Amino acid sequence: MLCVACGPDIVYEDSSALPATGWPYGDSLTYTFPVTDTSSRYDLVLTVEHTEDFAFQNFYVRLNTQLPGGTQRIQPLSLQLADNFGEWYGDCSGGNCTTEIALQEGTRFTELGEHRLVVTQFSREEILPEVTGMGFRIVRH
């Protein structure tokens, strides 16, 4: 009998720890990744790490997607971390939570080459001290 374990086919993954003093408004994280296949479908996932002391149900970021041909797409996005009753969506342990948020599912890239995703803190708060890390990954759908 042969057992084969299949996990997600991750084609890109990177994460960034945020300063202990907090994630300041206007500060950005950049994820640069190559696209070598425009025929496959991909899931784009943002990972948010925060403490259980985070005071809000959500916060906003601004996504700036930069394509190899020079096109840029900018959009604000609310990152929902908890439901209306204050229950965290992510996995929490030891006072820290990790929440995965699907940015796109089953999408195709339209251009080959180096792409860039810039994520900027865009909430009403000047600094978000309880957001401790962010990550971005691309998984073959």
C-alpha atoms as a PDB file:
ATOM      1  CA  MET A   1       0.000   0.000   0.000  1.00  0.00           C
ATOM      2  CA  LEU A   2       1.376   3.368  -1.032  1.00  0.00           C
ATOM      3  CA  CYS A   3       0.421   6.577   0.778  1.00  0.00           C
ATOM      4  CA  VAL A   4       1.091   9.908  -0.822  1.00  0.00           C
ATOM      5  CA  ALA A   5       0.526  13.142   1.096  1.00  0.00           C
ATOM      6  CA  CYS A   6      -0.445  16.108  -0.989  1.00  0.00           C
ATOM      7  CA  GLY A   7      -0.139  19.598   0.363  1.00  0.00           C
ATOM      8  CA  PRO A   8      -0.714  22.928  -1.247  1.00  0.00           C
ATOM      9  CA  ASP A   9       1.516  23.734  -4.221  1.00  0.00           C
ATOM     10  CA  ILE A  10       3.015  26.992  -2.956  1.00  0.00           C
ATOM     11  CA  VAL A  11       4.739  28.887  -5.764  1.00  0.00           C
ATOM     12  CA  TYR A  12       5.683  31.948  -3.681  1.00  0.00           C
ATOM     13  CA  GLU A  13       5.727  32.732   0.025  1.00  0.00           C
ATOM     14  CA  ASP A  14       7.233  35.532   2.092  1.00  0.00           C
ATOM     15  CA  SER A  15       6.504  37.050   5.480  1.00  0.00           C
ATOM     16  CA  SER A  16       7.545  40.156   7.358  1.00  0.00           C
ATOM     17  CA  ALA A  17       7.727  40.807  11.076  1.00  0.00           C
ATOM     18  CA  LEU A  18       6.508  44.271  12.001  1.00  0.00           C
ATOM     19  CA  PRO A  19       8.284  46.549  14.497  1.00  0.00           C
ATOM     20  CA  ALA A  20       7.541  45.970  18.178  1.00  0.00           C
ATOM     21  CA  THR A  21       6.476  49.623  18.360  1.00  0.00           C
ATOM     22  CA  GLY A  22       3.672  48.909  15.872  1.00  0.00           C
ATOM     23  CA  TRP A  23       2.845  49.209  12.192  1.00  0.00           C
ATOM     24  CA  PRO A  24       2.776  52.948  11.375  1.00  0.00           C
ATOM     25  CA  TYR A  25       0.261  54.513   9.004  1.00  0.00           C
ATOM     26  CA  GLY A  26       1.722  54.776   5.542  1.00  0.00           C
ATOM     27  CA  ASP A  27       4.414  52.151   6.160  1.00  0.00           C
ATOM     28  CA  SER A  28       4.455  49.468   3.485  1.00  0.00           C
ATOM     29  CA  LEU A  29       5.540  45.880   2.965  1.00  0.00           C
ATOM     30  CA  THR A  30       6.657  44.765  -0.487  1.00  0.00           C
ATOM     31  CA  TYR A  31       6.378  41.275  -1.947  1.00  0.00           C
ATOM     32  CA  THR A  32       8.133  40.779  -5.302  1.00  0.00           C
ATOM     33  CA  PHE A  33       7.520  37.540  -7.159  1.00  0.00           C
ATOM     34  CA  PRO A  34       8.123  36.110 -10.637  1.00  0.00           C
ATOM     35  CA  VAL A  35       5.262  34.850 -12.791  1.00  0.00           C
ATOM     36  CA  THR A  36       6.343  32.140 -15.239  1.00  0.00           C
ATOM     37  CA  ASP A  37       2.923  30.673 -16.112  1.00  0.00           C
ATOM     38  CA  THR A  38      -0.158  32.566 -17.267  1.00  0.00           C
ATOM     39  CA  SER A  39      -2.260  29.472 -17.998  1.00  0.00           C
ATOM     40  CA  SER A  40      -2.568  28.116 -14.436  1.00  0.00           C
ATOM     41  CA  ARG A  41      -4.939  29.387 -11.767  1.00  0.00           C
ATOM     42  CA  TYR A  42      -3.710  30.638  -8.416  1.00  0.00           C
ATOM     43  CA  ASP A  43      -5.001  31.568  -4.977  1.00  0.00           C
ATOM     44  CA  LEU A  44      -3.494  34.745  -3.474  1.00  0.00           C
ATOM     45  CA  VAL A  45      -3.471  34.703   0.332  1.00  0.00           C
ATOM     46  CA  LEU A  46      -2.532  37.392   2.837  1.00  0.00           C
ATOM     47  CA  THR A  47      -1.597  36.265   6.355  1.00  0.00           C
ATOM     48  CA  VAL A  48      -2.088  38.643   9.281  1.00  0.00           C
ATOM     49  CA  GLU A  49      -0.473  38.019  12.651  1.00  0.00           C
ATOM     50  CA  HIS A  50      -1.828  39.967  15.624  1.00  0.00           C
ATOM     51  CA  THR A  51      -2.219  39.723  19.358  1.00  0.00           C
ATOM     52  CA  GLU A  52      -5.493  38.913  21.064  1.00  0.00           C
ATOM     53  CA  ASP A  53      -5.320  42.454  22.482  1.00  0.00           C
ATOM     54  CA  PHE A  54      -6.024  43.962  19.047  1.00  0.00           C
ATOM     55  CA  ALA A  55      -8.870  46.387  19.747  1.00  0.00           C
ATOM     56  CA  PHE A  56     -10.684  46.200  16.415  1.00  0.00           C
ATOM     57  CA  GLN A  57     -12.716  43.743  14.369  1.00  0.00           C
ATOM     58  CA  ASN A  58     -10.885  44.827  11.221  1.00  0.00           C
ATOM     59  CA  PHE A  59      -8.390  47.305   9.828  1.00  0.00           C
ATOM     60  CA  TYR A  60      -7.675  48.700   6.384  1.00  0.00           C
ATOM     61  CA  VAL A  61      -4.718  48.283   4.093  1.00  0.00           C
ATOM     62  CA  ARG A  62      -4.053  49.658   0.642  1.00  0.00           C
ATOM     63  CA  LEU A  63      -2.944  47.115  -1.950  1.00  0.00           C
ATOM     64  CA  ASN A  64      -0.815  48.327  -4.836  1.00  0.00           C
ATOM     65  CA  THR A  65      -0.323  45.632  -7.459  1.00  0.00           C
ATOM     66  CA  GLN A  66       2.438  46.445  -9.940  1.00  0.00           C
ATOM     67  CA  LEU A  67       2.613  44.462 -13.180  1.00  0.00           C
ATOM     68  CA  PRO A  68       5.742  43.966 -15.322  1.00  0.00           C
ATOM     69  CA  GLY A  69       4.372  46.193 -18.106  1.00  0.00           C
ATOM     70  CA  GLY A  70       4.099  49.142 -15.715  1.00  0.00           C
ATOM     71  CA  THR A  71       0.379  48.934 -14.934  1.00  0.00           C
ATOM     72  CA  GLN A  72      -0.551  49.584 -11.298  1.00  0.00           C
ATOM     73  CA  ARG A  73      -3.796  48.715  -9.552  1.00  0.00           C
ATOM     74  CA  ILE A  74      -4.480  50.351  -6.205  1.00  0.00           C
ATOM     75  CA  GLN A  75      -7.334  49.366  -3.926  1.00  0.00           C
ATOM     76  CA  PRO A  76      -8.214  49.714  -0.249  1.00  0.00           C
ATOM     77  CA  LEU A  77      -9.129  46.503   1.525  1.00  0.00           C
ATOM     78  CA  SER A  78     -10.686  45.823   4.913  1.00  0.00           C
ATOM     79  CA  LEU A  79      -8.977  42.923   6.647  1.00  0.00           C
ATOM     80  CA  GLN A  80     -11.638  41.231   8.785  1.00  0.00           C
ATOM     81  CA  LEU A  81     -10.055  39.600  11.830  1.00  0.00           C
ATOM     82  CA  ALA A  82     -13.101  38.953  14.034  1.00  0.00           C
ATOM     83  CA  ASP A  83     -16.836  38.409  13.743  1.00  0.00           C
ATOM     84  CA  ASN A  84     -19.517  40.737  15.147  1.00  0.00           C
ATOM     85  CA  PHE A  85     -19.250  39.039  18.555  1.00  0.00           C
ATOM     86  CA  GLY A  86     -15.493  39.556  18.836  1.00  0.00           C
ATOM     87  CA  GLU A  87     -14.505  35.975  18.060  1.00  0.00           C
ATOM     88  CA  TRP A  88     -11.241  35.842  16.122  1.00  0.00           C
ATOM     89  CA  TYR A  89     -11.373  34.217  12.697  1.00  0.00           C
ATOM     90  CA  GLY A  90      -7.785  33.005  12.841  1.00  0.00           C
ATOM     91  CA  ASP A  91      -5.981  30.398  14.857  1.00  0.00           C
ATOM     92  CA  CYS A  92      -5.053  31.785  18.276  1.00  0.00           C
ATOM     93  CA  SER A  93      -2.613  30.394  20.797  1.00  0.00           C
ATOM     94  CA  GLY A  94      -0.625  31.955  23.617  1.00  0.00           C
ATOM     95  CA  GLY A  95      -2.150  35.386  23.056  1.00  0.00           C
ATOM     96  CA  ASN A  96      -1.257  35.530  19.355  1.00  0.00           C
ATOM     97  CA  CYS A  97      -3.472  34.931  16.316  1.00  0.00           C
ATOM     98  CA  THR A  98      -2.799  34.129  12.677  1.00  0.00           C
ATOM     99  CA  THR A  99      -5.542  34.843  10.144  1.00  0.00           C
ATOM    100  CA  GLU A 100      -5.413  33.892   6.473  1.00  0.00           C
ATOM    101  CA  ILE A 101      -7.368  36.138   4.125  1.00  0.00           C
ATOM    102  CA  ALA A 102      -7.998  35.151   0.514  1.00  0.00           C
ATOM    103  CA  LEU A 103      -7.272  38.107  -1.757  1.00  0.00           C
ATOM    104  CA  GLN A 104      -8.219  36.191  -4.904  1.00  0.00           C
ATOM    105  CA  GLU A 105      -9.107  32.584  -5.603  1.00  0.00           C
ATOM    106  CA  GLY A 106      -8.628  30.813  -8.909  1.00  0.00           C
ATOM    107  CA  THR A 107      -7.127  33.848 -10.621  1.00  0.00           C
ATOM    108  CA  ARG A 108      -4.802  33.897 -13.610  1.00  0.00           C
ATOM    109  CA  PHE A 109      -1.890  36.233 -14.152  1.00  0.00           C
ATOM    110  CA  THR A 110      -2.061  38.126 -17.440  1.00  0.00           C
ATOM    111  CA  GLU A 111       1.634  38.954 -17.796  1.00  0.00           C
ATOM    112  CA  LEU A 112       4.866  37.019 -17.442  1.00  0.00           C
ATOM    113  CA  GLY A 113       7.694  38.558 -15.428  1.00  0.00           C
ATOM    114  CA  GLU A 114       8.297  40.216 -12.097  1.00  0.00           C
ATOM    115  CA  HIS A 115       5.172  41.317 -10.224  1.00  0.00           C
ATOM    116  CA  ARG A 116       5.018  43.317  -7.013  1.00  0.00           C
ATOM    117  CA  LEU A 117       2.412  43.597  -4.281  1.00  0.00           C
ATOM    118  CA  VAL A 118       2.831  46.537  -1.889  1.00  0.00           C
ATOM    119  CA  VAL A 119       0.691  46.407   1.260  1.00  0.00           C
ATOM    120  CA  THR A 120       0.355  49.700   3.145  1.00  0.00           C
ATOM    121  CA  GLN A 121      -1.207  50.237   6.567  1.00  0.00           C
ATOM    122  CA  PHE A 122      -4.237  52.419   5.802  1.00  0.00           C
ATOM    123  CA  SER A 123      -6.348  52.451   8.963  1.00  0.00           C
ATOM    124  CA  ARG A 124      -7.563  55.397  11.035  1.00  0.00           C
ATOM    125  CA  GLU A 125      -4.987  54.660  13.712  1.00  0.00           C
ATOM    126  CA  GLU A 126      -1.542  56.214  13.366  1.00  0.00           C
ATOM    127  CA  ILE A 127       0.111  53.043  14.664  1.00  0.00           C
ATOM    128  CA  LEU A 128      -1.234  49.480  15.019  1.00  0.00           C
ATOM    129  CA  PRO A 129       0.922  48.008  17.817  1.00  0.00           C
ATOM    130  CA  GLU A 130      -0.993  44.728  18.041  1.00  0.00           C
ATOM    131  CA  VAL A 131      -0.401  43.754  14.378  1.00  0.00           C
ATOM    132  CA  THR A 132       2.872  41.847  14.605  1.00  0.00           C
ATOM    133  CA  GLY A 133       3.416  40.392  11.140  1.00  0.00           C
ATOM    134  CA  MET A 134       2.163  40.026   7.583  1.00  0.00           C
ATOM    135  CA  GLY A 135       2.740  37.441   4.936  1.00  0.00           C
ATOM    136  CA  PHE A 136       1.793  36.794   1.332  1.00  0.00           C
ATOM    137  CA  ARG A 137       1.666  33.530  -0.556  1.00  0.00           C
ATOM    138  CA  ILE A 138       0.608  32.270  -3.939  1.00  0.00           C
ATOM    139  CA  VAL A 139      -0.759  28.733  -4.182  1.00  0.00           C
ATOM    140  CA  ARG A 140      -1.513  26.845  -7.370  1.00  0.00           C
ATOM    141  CA  HIS A 141      -5.320  26.429  -7.390  1.00  0.00           C
END
